[in-house]
């Protein structure tokens, strides 16, 4: 695993022996909006966006109750 820190973006990605063109991002943290990404409105004090790469099944196992609660009739 490799840690990256580029300006307002920090993250961890996996690329065994550099076999993948871009690697697989496991975790990214953005501290402000970028040129191609302004919709998160991150240019506010103490606001961040965290992205965590998990399999769909893992996501459902972790958050299924939250999803069902939010969309219950």
C-alpha atoms as a PDB file:
ATOM      1  CA  UNK A   1       0.000   0.000   0.000  1.00  0.00           C
ATOM      2  CA  UNK A   2       1.150   3.494  -0.788  1.00  0.00           C
ATOM      3  CA  UNK A   3       0.226   6.752   0.939  1.00  0.00           C
ATOM      4  CA  UNK A   4      -0.285   9.806  -1.256  1.00  0.00           C
ATOM      5  CA  UNK A   5      -0.481  13.464  -0.351  1.00  0.00           C
ATOM      6  CA  UNK A   6      -1.167  15.826  -3.219  1.00  0.00           C
ATOM      7  CA  UNK A   7      -2.166  19.327  -2.176  1.00  0.00           C
ATOM      8  CA  UNK A   8      -5.692  19.038  -0.813  1.00  0.00           C
ATOM      9  CA  UNK A   9      -6.016  15.274  -1.387  1.00  0.00           C
ATOM     10  CA  UNK A  10      -4.653  12.505   0.816  1.00  0.00           C
ATOM     11  CA  UNK A  11      -5.138   8.814   0.365  1.00  0.00           C
ATOM     12  CA  UNK A  12      -3.995   5.243   0.437  1.00  0.00           C
ATOM     13  CA  UNK A  13      -3.940   3.084  -2.655  1.00  0.00           C
ATOM     14  CA  UNK A  14      -2.850  -0.428  -3.570  1.00  0.00           C
ATOM     15  CA  UNK A  15      -0.849  -1.277  -6.651  1.00  0.00           C
ATOM     16  CA  UNK A  16       1.153  -4.500  -6.305  1.00  0.00           C
ATOM     17  CA  UNK A  17       4.427  -4.238  -8.244  1.00  0.00           C
ATOM     18  CA  UNK A  18       2.910  -1.310 -10.205  1.00  0.00           C
ATOM     19  CA  UNK A  19       0.923  -3.775 -12.316  1.00  0.00           C
ATOM     20  CA  UNK A  20      -2.186  -1.579 -12.488  1.00  0.00           C
ATOM     21  CA  UNK A  21      -2.286   1.634 -14.505  1.00  0.00           C
ATOM     22  CA  UNK A  22      -3.738   3.751 -11.670  1.00  0.00           C
ATOM     23  CA  UNK A  23      -3.857   1.397  -8.688  1.00  0.00           C
ATOM     24  CA  UNK A  24      -6.873   0.849  -6.489  1.00  0.00           C
ATOM     25  CA  UNK A  25      -7.744   3.629  -4.084  1.00  0.00           C
ATOM     26  CA  UNK A  26      -8.729   2.241  -0.700  1.00  0.00           C
ATOM     27  CA  UNK A  27      -9.189   5.548   1.112  1.00  0.00           C
ATOM     28  CA  UNK A  28      -9.159   9.185   0.021  1.00  0.00           C
ATOM     29  CA  UNK A  29      -9.681  12.360   2.016  1.00  0.00           C
ATOM     30  CA  UNK A  30     -10.369  15.635   0.241  1.00  0.00           C
ATOM     31  CA  UNK A  31     -10.029  18.917   2.090  1.00  0.00           C
ATOM     32  CA  UNK A  32     -11.251  21.316  -0.599  1.00  0.00           C
ATOM     33  CA  UNK A  33     -12.883  21.329  -4.008  1.00  0.00           C
ATOM     34  CA  UNK A  34     -10.773  20.618  -7.082  1.00  0.00           C
ATOM     35  CA  UNK A  35     -11.043  21.940 -10.629  1.00  0.00           C
ATOM     36  CA  UNK A  36     -13.208  19.012 -11.754  1.00  0.00           C
ATOM     37  CA  UNK A  37     -15.093  18.477  -8.499  1.00  0.00           C
ATOM     38  CA  UNK A  38     -16.934  21.393  -6.951  1.00  0.00           C
ATOM     39  CA  UNK A  39     -20.266  19.713  -6.156  1.00  0.00           C
ATOM     40  CA  UNK A  40     -19.185  18.640  -2.658  1.00  0.00           C
ATOM     41  CA  UNK A  41     -18.747  22.284  -1.635  1.00  0.00           C
ATOM     42  CA  UNK A  42     -15.664  21.419   0.421  1.00  0.00           C
ATOM     43  CA  UNK A  43     -14.313  24.967   0.504  1.00  0.00           C
ATOM     44  CA  UNK A  44     -15.856  25.483   3.939  1.00  0.00           C
ATOM     45  CA  UNK A  45     -14.073  25.438   7.272  1.00  0.00           C
ATOM     46  CA  UNK A  46     -13.751  21.980   8.886  1.00  0.00           C
ATOM     47  CA  UNK A  47     -15.563  20.188   6.021  1.00  0.00           C
ATOM     48  CA  UNK A  48     -13.989  17.093   4.454  1.00  0.00           C
ATOM     49  CA  UNK A  49     -15.025  14.222   2.202  1.00  0.00           C
ATOM     50  CA  UNK A  50     -13.867  10.713   2.960  1.00  0.00           C
ATOM     51  CA  UNK A  51     -14.173   7.925   0.394  1.00  0.00           C
ATOM     52  CA  UNK A  52     -13.647   4.336   1.458  1.00  0.00           C
ATOM     53  CA  UNK A  53     -13.426   1.544  -1.103  1.00  0.00           C
ATOM     54  CA  UNK A  54     -15.388  -1.527  -0.020  1.00  0.00           C
ATOM     55  CA  UNK A  55     -17.123  -4.338  -1.855  1.00  0.00           C
ATOM     56  CA  UNK A  56     -20.867  -3.898  -2.459  1.00  0.00           C
ATOM     57  CA  UNK A  57     -21.653  -6.814  -0.125  1.00  0.00           C
ATOM     58  CA  UNK A  58     -19.574  -5.235   2.660  1.00  0.00           C
ATOM     59  CA  UNK A  59     -21.329  -1.884   2.190  1.00  0.00           C
ATOM     60  CA  UNK A  60     -24.753  -3.526   2.414  1.00  0.00           C
ATOM     61  CA  UNK A  61     -23.747  -5.492   5.514  1.00  0.00           C
ATOM     62  CA  UNK A  62     -22.541  -2.311   7.207  1.00  0.00           C
ATOM     63  CA  UNK A  63     -25.319   0.069   6.180  1.00  0.00           C
ATOM     64  CA  UNK A  64     -28.394  -1.975   5.248  1.00  0.00           C
ATOM     65  CA  UNK A  65     -30.348  -0.931   8.362  1.00  0.00           C
ATOM     66  CA  UNK A  66     -29.570   2.738   7.731  1.00  0.00           C
ATOM     67  CA  UNK A  67     -30.649   2.463   4.082  1.00  0.00           C
ATOM     68  CA  UNK A  68     -33.871   0.628   4.966  1.00  0.00           C
ATOM     69  CA  UNK A  69     -34.665   3.148   7.710  1.00  0.00           C
ATOM     70  CA  UNK A  70     -34.189   6.159   5.423  1.00  0.00           C
ATOM     71  CA  UNK A  71     -36.372   4.764   2.639  1.00  0.00           C
ATOM     72  CA  UNK A  72     -39.067   3.063   4.711  1.00  0.00           C
ATOM     73  CA  UNK A  73     -42.611   4.132   3.834  1.00  0.00           C
END
